[in-house]
Each structure stands twice: as structure tokens, then as C-alpha cells.
N, C-alpha and C. Protein backbone atom coordinates (compact mmCIF):
# COMPACT_ATOMS: atom_id res chain seq x y z
N UNK A 1 62.83 82.70 141.19
CA UNK A 1 62.95 82.30 142.55
C UNK A 1 61.79 81.37 142.93
N UNK A 2 60.61 81.67 142.46
CA UNK A 2 59.47 80.82 142.78
C UNK A 2 59.64 79.44 142.17
N UNK A 3 60.38 79.36 141.09
CA UNK A 3 60.61 78.08 140.44
C UNK A 3 61.47 77.17 141.34
N UNK A 4 62.33 77.76 142.18
CA UNK A 4 63.21 77.01 143.04
C UNK A 4 62.44 76.24 144.12
N UNK A 5 61.34 76.79 144.64
CA UNK A 5 60.57 76.17 145.70
C UNK A 5 59.32 75.46 145.20
N UNK A 6 59.14 75.30 143.91
CA UNK A 6 57.95 74.63 143.38
C UNK A 6 57.98 73.14 143.67
N UNK A 7 59.12 72.51 143.65
CA UNK A 7 59.20 71.08 143.90
C UNK A 7 59.50 70.84 145.37
N UNK A 8 58.95 69.77 145.88
CA UNK A 8 59.24 69.36 147.24
C UNK A 8 60.60 68.68 147.28
N UNK A 9 61.34 68.81 148.43
CA UNK A 9 62.62 68.10 148.52
C UNK A 9 62.36 66.59 148.63
N UNK A 10 63.24 65.84 148.09
CA UNK A 10 63.11 64.38 148.13
C UNK A 10 63.40 63.87 149.54
N UNK A 11 62.94 62.67 149.89
CA UNK A 11 63.23 62.11 151.22
C UNK A 11 64.74 61.98 151.47
N UNK A 12 65.49 61.67 150.43
CA UNK A 12 66.94 61.56 150.59
C UNK A 12 67.55 62.90 150.97
N UNK A 13 67.03 63.98 150.37
CA UNK A 13 67.53 65.32 150.68
C UNK A 13 67.20 65.69 152.12
N UNK A 14 66.04 65.34 152.61
CA UNK A 14 65.66 65.64 153.99
C UNK A 14 66.57 64.89 154.97
N UNK A 15 66.80 63.60 154.69
CA UNK A 15 67.67 62.80 155.55
C UNK A 15 69.09 63.37 155.52
N UNK A 16 69.56 63.79 154.36
CA UNK A 16 70.90 64.35 154.25
C UNK A 16 71.02 65.65 155.03
N UNK A 17 70.00 66.50 155.00
CA UNK A 17 70.03 67.75 155.76
C UNK A 17 69.99 67.50 157.27
N UNK A 18 69.17 66.54 157.71
CA UNK A 18 69.11 66.20 159.14
C UNK A 18 70.47 65.69 159.61
N UNK A 19 71.10 64.82 158.80
CA UNK A 19 72.42 64.29 159.15
C UNK A 19 73.46 65.41 159.20
N UNK A 20 73.39 66.36 158.29
CA UNK A 20 74.34 67.47 158.27
C UNK A 20 74.20 68.32 159.53
N UNK A 21 72.97 68.67 159.89
CA UNK A 21 72.77 69.49 161.08
C UNK A 21 73.15 68.74 162.36
N UNK A 22 72.89 67.43 162.41
CA UNK A 22 73.27 66.63 163.58
C UNK A 22 74.80 66.58 163.71
N UNK A 23 75.47 66.43 162.59
CA UNK A 23 76.93 66.36 162.64
C UNK A 23 77.53 67.69 163.07
N UNK A 24 77.02 68.77 162.57
CA UNK A 24 77.54 70.09 162.94
C UNK A 24 77.20 70.44 164.39
N UNK A 25 76.02 70.11 164.82
CA UNK A 25 75.61 70.43 166.18
C UNK A 25 76.20 69.50 167.23
N UNK A 26 76.50 68.25 166.86
CA UNK A 26 77.05 67.28 167.82
C UNK A 26 78.43 67.69 168.31
N UNK A 27 79.28 68.18 167.43
CA UNK A 27 80.62 68.62 167.83
C UNK A 27 80.55 69.81 168.78
N UNK A 28 79.65 70.74 168.50
CA UNK A 28 79.49 71.90 169.36
C UNK A 28 78.95 71.49 170.73
N UNK A 29 78.04 70.53 170.75
CA UNK A 29 77.48 70.04 172.00
C UNK A 29 78.56 69.33 172.83
N UNK A 30 79.37 68.52 172.18
CA UNK A 30 80.42 67.78 172.90
C UNK A 30 81.49 68.72 173.44
N UNK A 31 81.75 69.82 172.75
CA UNK A 31 82.79 70.75 173.20
C UNK A 31 82.39 71.47 174.48
N UNK A 32 81.10 71.58 174.75
CA UNK A 32 80.65 72.27 175.96
C UNK A 32 80.50 71.33 177.15
N UNK A 33 80.62 70.03 176.95
CA UNK A 33 80.45 69.07 178.04
C UNK A 33 81.75 68.93 178.83
N UNK A 34 81.65 68.30 180.01
CA UNK A 34 82.80 68.09 180.89
C UNK A 34 83.84 67.22 180.20
N UNK A 35 85.11 67.55 180.40
CA UNK A 35 86.21 66.81 179.81
C UNK A 35 86.38 65.46 180.49
N UNK A 36 86.88 64.49 179.76
CA UNK A 36 87.14 63.16 180.31
C UNK A 36 88.44 63.22 181.11
N UNK A 37 88.43 62.65 182.30
CA UNK A 37 89.60 62.67 183.15
C UNK A 37 90.14 61.26 183.32
N UNK A 38 91.44 61.18 183.60
CA UNK A 38 92.09 59.91 183.82
C UNK A 38 92.68 59.92 185.22
N UNK A 39 92.25 59.00 186.05
CA UNK A 39 92.71 58.90 187.45
C UNK A 39 92.52 60.21 188.20
N UNK A 40 91.43 60.91 187.91
CA UNK A 40 91.11 62.11 188.65
C UNK A 40 91.86 63.36 188.22
N UNK A 41 92.68 63.28 187.18
CA UNK A 41 93.43 64.45 186.72
C UNK A 41 93.07 64.77 185.27
N UNK A 42 92.84 66.03 184.99
CA UNK A 42 92.59 66.45 183.62
C UNK A 42 93.91 66.46 182.85
N UNK A 43 93.83 66.61 181.56
CA UNK A 43 95.05 66.63 180.74
C UNK A 43 95.96 67.77 181.16
N UNK A 44 95.40 68.94 181.46
CA UNK A 44 96.21 70.07 181.88
C UNK A 44 96.95 69.77 183.18
N UNK A 45 96.28 69.11 184.12
CA UNK A 45 96.93 68.78 185.39
C UNK A 45 98.04 67.74 185.18
N UNK A 46 97.82 66.78 184.27
CA UNK A 46 98.86 65.78 184.00
C UNK A 46 100.08 66.43 183.39
N UNK A 47 99.90 67.39 182.52
CA UNK A 47 101.05 68.04 181.89
C UNK A 47 101.85 68.88 182.88
N UNK A 48 101.19 69.37 183.93
CA UNK A 48 101.88 70.18 184.92
C UNK A 48 102.83 69.35 185.78
N UNK A 49 102.56 68.05 185.95
CA UNK A 49 103.42 67.23 186.80
C UNK A 49 104.59 66.63 186.04
N UNK A 50 104.67 66.80 184.73
CA UNK A 50 105.73 66.17 183.96
C UNK A 50 107.10 66.81 184.06
N UNK A 51 107.25 68.09 183.74
CA UNK A 51 108.63 68.60 183.66
C UNK A 51 109.27 68.74 185.04
N UNK A 52 110.38 68.03 185.24
CA UNK A 52 111.06 68.09 186.51
C UNK A 52 112.50 67.64 186.30
N UNK A 53 113.43 68.35 186.87
CA UNK A 53 114.84 67.94 186.74
C UNK A 53 115.61 68.41 187.97
N UNK A 54 116.70 67.69 188.25
CA UNK A 54 117.58 68.03 189.36
C UNK A 54 119.01 67.75 188.93
N UNK A 55 119.95 68.53 189.42
CA UNK A 55 121.36 68.34 189.12
C UNK A 55 122.18 68.54 190.39
N UNK A 56 123.18 67.69 190.57
CA UNK A 56 124.14 67.83 191.67
C UNK A 56 125.53 67.71 191.08
N UNK A 57 126.44 68.55 191.53
CA UNK A 57 127.82 68.49 191.05
C UNK A 57 128.75 68.74 192.23
N UNK A 58 130.00 68.35 192.04
CA UNK A 58 130.95 68.56 193.11
C UNK A 58 132.35 68.15 192.70
N UNK A 59 133.25 68.14 193.68
CA UNK A 59 134.64 67.77 193.45
C UNK A 59 135.12 66.87 194.58
N UNK A 60 136.16 66.12 194.31
CA UNK A 60 136.89 65.32 195.30
C UNK A 60 136.04 64.30 196.04
N UNK A 61 135.64 63.28 195.31
CA UNK A 61 135.01 62.12 195.92
C UNK A 61 136.09 61.04 196.00
N UNK A 62 136.26 60.43 197.17
CA UNK A 62 137.36 59.49 197.38
C UNK A 62 136.83 58.16 197.91
N UNK A 63 136.51 57.21 197.02
CA UNK A 63 136.10 55.88 197.50
C UNK A 63 137.29 55.19 198.16
N UNK A 64 137.03 54.35 199.19
CA UNK A 64 138.13 53.78 199.97
C UNK A 64 138.27 52.27 199.90
N UNK A 65 137.20 51.54 199.62
CA UNK A 65 137.29 50.08 199.70
C UNK A 65 136.50 49.42 198.58
N UNK A 66 136.86 48.17 198.29
CA UNK A 66 136.17 47.43 197.22
C UNK A 66 134.77 47.02 197.64
N UNK A 67 134.59 46.67 198.90
CA UNK A 67 133.30 46.17 199.36
C UNK A 67 132.28 47.28 199.61
N UNK A 68 132.75 48.50 199.79
CA UNK A 68 131.87 49.61 200.14
C UNK A 68 131.80 50.61 198.99
N UNK A 69 130.58 50.94 198.57
CA UNK A 69 130.38 51.98 197.56
C UNK A 69 130.16 53.30 198.28
N UNK A 70 130.90 54.32 197.86
CA UNK A 70 130.80 55.65 198.43
C UNK A 70 129.94 56.52 197.52
N UNK A 71 128.90 57.15 198.09
CA UNK A 71 128.05 58.05 197.31
C UNK A 71 128.83 59.32 196.98
N UNK A 72 128.95 59.61 195.68
CA UNK A 72 129.64 60.83 195.26
C UNK A 72 128.66 61.98 195.05
N UNK A 73 127.49 61.69 194.53
CA UNK A 73 126.49 62.73 194.28
C UNK A 73 125.10 62.12 194.41
N UNK A 74 124.17 62.89 194.95
CA UNK A 74 122.79 62.43 195.13
C UNK A 74 121.85 63.56 194.75
N UNK A 75 120.78 63.20 194.04
CA UNK A 75 119.71 64.16 193.75
C UNK A 75 118.41 63.58 194.28
N UNK A 76 117.61 64.43 194.91
CA UNK A 76 116.30 64.04 195.41
C UNK A 76 115.27 64.42 194.35
N UNK A 77 114.55 63.43 193.84
CA UNK A 77 113.54 63.69 192.82
C UNK A 77 112.16 63.42 193.40
N UNK A 78 111.20 64.17 192.93
CA UNK A 78 109.83 64.05 193.43
C UNK A 78 108.90 64.04 192.24
N UNK A 79 108.52 62.85 191.80
CA UNK A 79 107.63 62.72 190.66
C UNK A 79 106.20 62.46 191.10
N UNK A 80 105.30 62.46 190.17
CA UNK A 80 103.90 62.21 190.45
C UNK A 80 103.70 60.75 190.84
N UNK A 81 103.02 60.50 191.95
CA UNK A 81 102.74 59.11 192.32
C UNK A 81 101.53 58.58 191.56
N UNK A 82 100.67 59.48 191.06
CA UNK A 82 99.53 59.05 190.26
C UNK A 82 99.92 58.64 188.86
N UNK A 83 100.99 59.22 188.34
CA UNK A 83 101.49 58.92 187.01
C UNK A 83 102.99 58.68 187.10
N UNK A 84 103.42 57.49 187.51
CA UNK A 84 104.87 57.23 187.59
C UNK A 84 105.52 57.43 186.23
N UNK A 85 106.62 58.16 186.21
CA UNK A 85 107.33 58.45 184.96
C UNK A 85 108.73 57.87 185.02
N UNK A 86 109.33 57.74 183.86
CA UNK A 86 110.71 57.31 183.76
C UNK A 86 111.61 58.52 183.96
N UNK A 87 112.86 58.25 184.36
CA UNK A 87 113.84 59.30 184.57
C UNK A 87 115.03 59.05 183.67
N UNK A 88 115.49 60.10 182.99
CA UNK A 88 116.74 60.04 182.25
C UNK A 88 117.81 60.51 183.23
N UNK A 89 118.75 59.63 183.54
CA UNK A 89 119.79 59.94 184.51
C UNK A 89 121.14 59.96 183.79
N UNK A 90 121.89 61.02 184.03
CA UNK A 90 123.19 61.19 183.37
C UNK A 90 124.25 61.53 184.42
N UNK A 91 125.36 60.77 184.38
CA UNK A 91 126.49 61.03 185.26
C UNK A 91 127.74 61.22 184.40
N UNK A 92 128.49 62.25 184.69
CA UNK A 92 129.77 62.50 184.04
C UNK A 92 130.79 62.79 185.13
N UNK A 93 131.93 62.11 185.05
CA UNK A 93 132.96 62.30 186.06
C UNK A 93 134.35 62.27 185.46
N UNK A 94 135.28 62.95 186.13
CA UNK A 94 136.69 62.94 185.75
C UNK A 94 137.44 62.21 186.86
N UNK A 95 138.04 61.08 186.50
CA UNK A 95 138.71 60.20 187.46
C UNK A 95 140.21 60.34 187.35
N UNK A 96 140.88 60.14 188.48
CA UNK A 96 142.33 60.26 188.52
C UNK A 96 142.89 59.15 189.40
N UNK A 97 144.11 58.74 189.08
CA UNK A 97 144.80 57.72 189.84
C UNK A 97 145.96 58.38 190.58
N UNK A 98 145.96 58.27 191.90
CA UNK A 98 146.99 58.91 192.71
C UNK A 98 148.01 57.84 193.12
N UNK A 99 149.28 58.06 192.79
CA UNK A 99 150.35 57.15 193.22
C UNK A 99 150.39 55.83 192.47
N UNK A 100 150.05 55.79 191.22
CA UNK A 100 150.10 54.54 190.45
C UNK A 100 148.75 54.18 189.88
N UNK A 101 148.71 53.07 189.19
CA UNK A 101 147.47 52.64 188.54
C UNK A 101 146.40 52.30 189.58
N UNK A 102 145.17 52.66 189.27
CA UNK A 102 144.05 52.33 190.17
C UNK A 102 142.87 51.85 189.33
N UNK A 103 141.94 51.25 190.02
CA UNK A 103 140.77 50.68 189.35
C UNK A 103 139.59 50.71 190.31
N UNK A 104 138.41 50.91 189.78
CA UNK A 104 137.21 50.89 190.60
C UNK A 104 135.97 50.75 189.74
N UNK A 105 134.83 50.71 190.39
CA UNK A 105 133.54 50.61 189.72
C UNK A 105 132.66 51.76 190.18
N UNK A 106 131.85 52.27 189.26
CA UNK A 106 130.84 53.27 189.61
C UNK A 106 129.50 52.78 189.09
N UNK A 107 128.45 53.10 189.80
CA UNK A 107 127.11 52.68 189.40
C UNK A 107 126.08 53.72 189.83
N UNK A 108 124.93 53.68 189.18
CA UNK A 108 123.81 54.53 189.56
C UNK A 108 122.91 53.74 190.51
N UNK A 109 122.33 54.46 191.48
CA UNK A 109 121.45 53.82 192.46
C UNK A 109 120.17 54.63 192.60
N UNK A 110 119.08 53.93 192.85
CA UNK A 110 117.80 54.56 193.20
C UNK A 110 117.45 54.09 194.60
N UNK A 111 117.37 55.00 195.53
CA UNK A 111 117.10 54.68 196.94
C UNK A 111 118.11 53.67 197.49
N UNK A 112 119.39 53.87 197.17
CA UNK A 112 120.51 53.02 197.60
C UNK A 112 120.45 51.59 197.08
N UNK A 113 119.66 51.34 196.04
CA UNK A 113 119.63 50.05 195.37
C UNK A 113 120.20 50.23 193.97
N UNK A 114 121.13 49.38 193.54
CA UNK A 114 121.74 49.54 192.22
C UNK A 114 120.70 49.46 191.10
N UNK A 115 120.85 50.32 190.11
CA UNK A 115 120.00 50.26 188.91
C UNK A 115 120.70 49.31 187.94
N UNK A 116 120.00 48.30 187.50
CA UNK A 116 120.58 47.26 186.65
C UNK A 116 121.20 47.86 185.38
N UNK A 117 122.38 47.36 185.05
CA UNK A 117 123.05 47.76 183.81
C UNK A 117 123.79 49.07 183.86
N UNK A 118 124.02 49.63 185.05
CA UNK A 118 124.68 50.94 185.12
C UNK A 118 126.08 50.89 185.71
N UNK A 119 126.57 49.74 186.08
CA UNK A 119 127.91 49.65 186.66
C UNK A 119 128.96 49.72 185.56
N UNK A 120 129.93 50.62 185.72
CA UNK A 120 131.03 50.75 184.76
C UNK A 120 132.36 50.62 185.49
N UNK A 121 133.32 50.02 184.81
CA UNK A 121 134.68 49.88 185.34
C UNK A 121 135.45 51.14 185.00
N UNK A 122 136.14 51.70 185.98
CA UNK A 122 136.93 52.91 185.80
C UNK A 122 138.39 52.55 186.06
N UNK A 123 139.25 52.80 185.06
CA UNK A 123 140.69 52.55 185.19
C UNK A 123 141.45 53.74 184.64
N UNK A 124 141.60 54.80 185.42
CA UNK A 124 142.30 55.99 184.92
C UNK A 124 143.80 55.75 184.81
N UNK A 125 144.44 56.56 184.00
CA UNK A 125 145.89 56.51 183.86
C UNK A 125 146.54 57.10 185.12
N UNK A 126 147.83 56.97 185.22
CA UNK A 126 148.52 57.54 186.38
C UNK A 126 148.34 59.05 186.42
N UNK A 127 148.48 59.61 187.59
CA UNK A 127 148.22 61.03 187.83
C UNK A 127 149.09 61.92 186.93
N UNK A 128 148.40 62.86 186.24
CA UNK A 128 149.12 63.79 185.35
C UNK A 128 148.64 65.22 185.54
N UNK A 129 148.42 65.65 186.74
CA UNK A 129 148.00 67.03 186.98
C UNK A 129 146.54 67.10 187.37
N UNK A 130 145.90 68.18 187.02
CA UNK A 130 144.51 68.42 187.40
C UNK A 130 143.50 67.87 186.41
N UNK A 131 143.91 66.93 185.62
CA UNK A 131 142.96 66.32 184.70
C UNK A 131 143.12 64.82 184.78
N UNK A 132 142.14 64.10 184.30
CA UNK A 132 142.19 62.65 184.37
C UNK A 132 141.36 62.05 183.26
N UNK A 133 140.87 60.86 183.50
CA UNK A 133 140.08 60.12 182.53
C UNK A 133 138.60 60.41 182.75
N UNK A 134 137.89 60.75 181.69
CA UNK A 134 136.46 61.03 181.80
C UNK A 134 135.64 59.78 181.58
N UNK A 135 134.57 59.62 182.35
CA UNK A 135 133.66 58.49 182.23
C UNK A 135 132.24 59.00 182.44
N UNK A 136 131.31 58.38 181.73
CA UNK A 136 129.92 58.77 181.88
C UNK A 136 128.99 57.58 181.90
N UNK A 137 127.83 57.76 182.53
CA UNK A 137 126.79 56.74 182.57
C UNK A 137 125.49 57.45 182.22
N UNK A 138 124.73 56.91 181.29
CA UNK A 138 123.43 57.47 180.90
C UNK A 138 122.42 56.33 180.84
N UNK A 139 121.24 56.53 181.40
CA UNK A 139 120.21 55.49 181.40
C UNK A 139 118.84 56.13 181.58
N UNK A 140 117.82 55.42 181.11
CA UNK A 140 116.44 55.76 181.39
C UNK A 140 115.93 54.70 182.36
N UNK A 141 115.49 55.14 183.54
CA UNK A 141 115.07 54.20 184.59
C UNK A 141 113.69 53.63 184.28
N UNK A 142 113.32 52.57 184.98
CA UNK A 142 111.93 52.13 184.95
C UNK A 142 111.05 53.21 185.58
N UNK A 143 109.74 53.17 185.36
CA UNK A 143 108.87 54.20 185.97
C UNK A 143 108.99 54.23 187.49
N UNK A 144 109.21 55.43 188.01
CA UNK A 144 109.31 55.66 189.45
C UNK A 144 108.31 56.75 189.83
N UNK A 145 107.44 56.47 190.77
CA UNK A 145 106.50 57.48 191.23
C UNK A 145 106.82 57.90 192.64
N UNK A 146 106.54 59.14 192.98
CA UNK A 146 106.79 59.64 194.33
C UNK A 146 108.20 60.16 194.51
N UNK A 147 108.65 60.21 195.76
CA UNK A 147 109.97 60.76 196.10
C UNK A 147 111.02 59.65 196.09
N UNK A 148 112.17 59.96 195.47
CA UNK A 148 113.27 59.00 195.41
C UNK A 148 114.61 59.73 195.50
N UNK A 149 115.63 59.00 195.91
CA UNK A 149 117.01 59.47 195.94
C UNK A 149 117.76 58.75 194.82
N UNK A 150 118.24 59.48 193.83
CA UNK A 150 119.04 58.90 192.76
C UNK A 150 120.48 59.35 193.00
N UNK A 151 121.41 58.39 193.02
CA UNK A 151 122.79 58.73 193.34
C UNK A 151 123.75 57.95 192.47
N UNK A 152 125.00 58.42 192.46
CA UNK A 152 126.09 57.69 191.83
C UNK A 152 127.05 57.30 192.96
N UNK A 153 127.44 56.04 192.95
CA UNK A 153 128.32 55.52 194.00
C UNK A 153 129.50 54.81 193.36
N UNK A 154 130.69 54.98 193.94
CA UNK A 154 131.90 54.37 193.40
C UNK A 154 132.61 53.58 194.49
N UNK A 155 133.35 52.56 194.07
CA UNK A 155 134.22 51.84 195.00
C UNK A 155 135.63 51.82 194.43
N UNK A 156 136.56 51.29 195.20
CA UNK A 156 137.96 51.26 194.80
C UNK A 156 138.47 49.83 194.92
N UNK A 157 138.89 49.23 193.81
CA UNK A 157 139.38 47.86 193.82
C UNK A 157 140.90 47.77 193.91
N UNK A 158 141.58 48.77 193.36
CA UNK A 158 143.05 48.76 193.39
C UNK A 158 143.56 50.19 193.34
N UNK A 159 144.68 50.46 194.01
CA UNK A 159 145.28 51.79 193.98
C UNK A 159 144.47 52.81 194.75
N UNK A 160 144.69 54.08 194.42
CA UNK A 160 143.99 55.19 195.07
C UNK A 160 143.18 55.94 194.03
N UNK A 161 141.94 55.55 193.86
CA UNK A 161 141.04 56.15 192.86
C UNK A 161 140.40 57.41 193.44
N UNK A 162 140.39 58.48 192.66
CA UNK A 162 139.75 59.74 193.06
C UNK A 162 138.85 60.22 191.94
N UNK A 163 137.75 60.83 192.33
CA UNK A 163 136.85 61.47 191.36
C UNK A 163 137.03 62.97 191.56
N UNK A 164 137.72 63.62 190.61
CA UNK A 164 138.02 65.05 190.77
C UNK A 164 136.79 65.92 190.60
N UNK A 165 136.06 65.71 189.51
CA UNK A 165 134.87 66.51 189.23
C UNK A 165 133.77 65.57 188.78
N UNK A 166 132.54 65.89 189.13
CA UNK A 166 131.42 65.04 188.71
C UNK A 166 130.14 65.86 188.66
N UNK A 167 129.22 65.34 187.87
CA UNK A 167 127.89 65.95 187.76
C UNK A 167 126.88 64.84 187.55
N UNK A 168 125.80 64.88 188.30
CA UNK A 168 124.70 63.92 188.20
C UNK A 168 123.43 64.70 187.92
N UNK A 169 122.71 64.33 186.86
CA UNK A 169 121.46 65.00 186.51
C UNK A 169 120.36 63.98 186.30
N UNK A 170 119.15 64.33 186.69
CA UNK A 170 117.97 63.48 186.48
C UNK A 170 116.87 64.33 185.88
N UNK A 171 116.31 63.87 184.76
CA UNK A 171 115.24 64.58 184.06
C UNK A 171 114.06 63.64 183.91
N UNK A 172 112.87 64.11 184.24
CA UNK A 172 111.69 63.27 184.09
C UNK A 172 111.27 63.25 182.62
N UNK A 173 111.01 62.05 182.11
CA UNK A 173 110.59 61.88 180.72
C UNK A 173 109.30 61.08 180.70
N UNK A 174 108.65 61.07 179.53
CA UNK A 174 107.40 60.31 179.40
C UNK A 174 107.64 58.85 179.26
């Protein structure tokens, strides 16, 4: 054992030991310091504002005119204004034509303004009971912060278009 401590450590060994202790102690020191925040919110607070969803469903929406869009379903969403997030919006509807062929358009709206690229043409077959033609719209919106009204609105271009059943859902995504 005395033979082990007879020689002095070399300068390289001293520098290596100092670097080792600094590296081990630096991580422990940093872990006890205040966390870095972004826009006044810690990571835990940011994660709490993310998950949010709303769903609206119903029956018997009856658009009446080509120039006027009738709101069939609306969901009120309330996202973080500090961290605007995108919304995944999904609409599914069952359309029916009463008394002959009909045609119309449906679109998604945010605060009564059309969301680009969401208008679909609906042309159901003639009425055949309590079922009809199914149509859906799915989109991820641009980032929206704060409170908004997301809705689906339909119009009628020809015939008597009816929406028998529908569901509108909005989920907040990153």
C-alpha cells in the first residue's frame, strides 16, 4: 500500500481529476437552479394547456338557400393565447335528398369565416329511408390562440338537401 503513494501524481492526472469532479458537480449544481421558462410559463404549465377537445352532434339540419350558409353544428374552443396551437377539426354527416336530386356545399368555419380548403360538394342520392350519403371533412387549422367558434355550415344549391345526422369535433394538437 505504501508503494502506491510513493510517487506523486503527474500534472495530467491532477488536471484530469479536477475536470472529472467539475463535470460531476456541475450537473448536480445545475439541477438545483431555477428552471428556464418560455414566455413566463414553465414546461409543466405549458403541458397543462395543451389537451383540449370539444364535440357537438345533432340531427336535422336544413339549409334553405344557395347564398346563405346555415350553421349545423358549432363548438366553442378555448386555447392558450400565450401558445397558439393548431386544431384538428373533423366533421362527419349523413345527407339526404328529399323529393328528388339535391346538391349543396358544406364548409368549416372559424369565427364565421370560412377555413380555406374545407368546402365540399354534397350530392346525395334520392331519398331512400332513414339513411343517406355520408360525407366528411378533416383538417388541421392554422394556429389559433384564445377563444374561437368552430362550426360547419351548409347551403343548398338545388333540390331539398337535409343533414340527418352530424358530428363536429375539434382537438387541440401541437
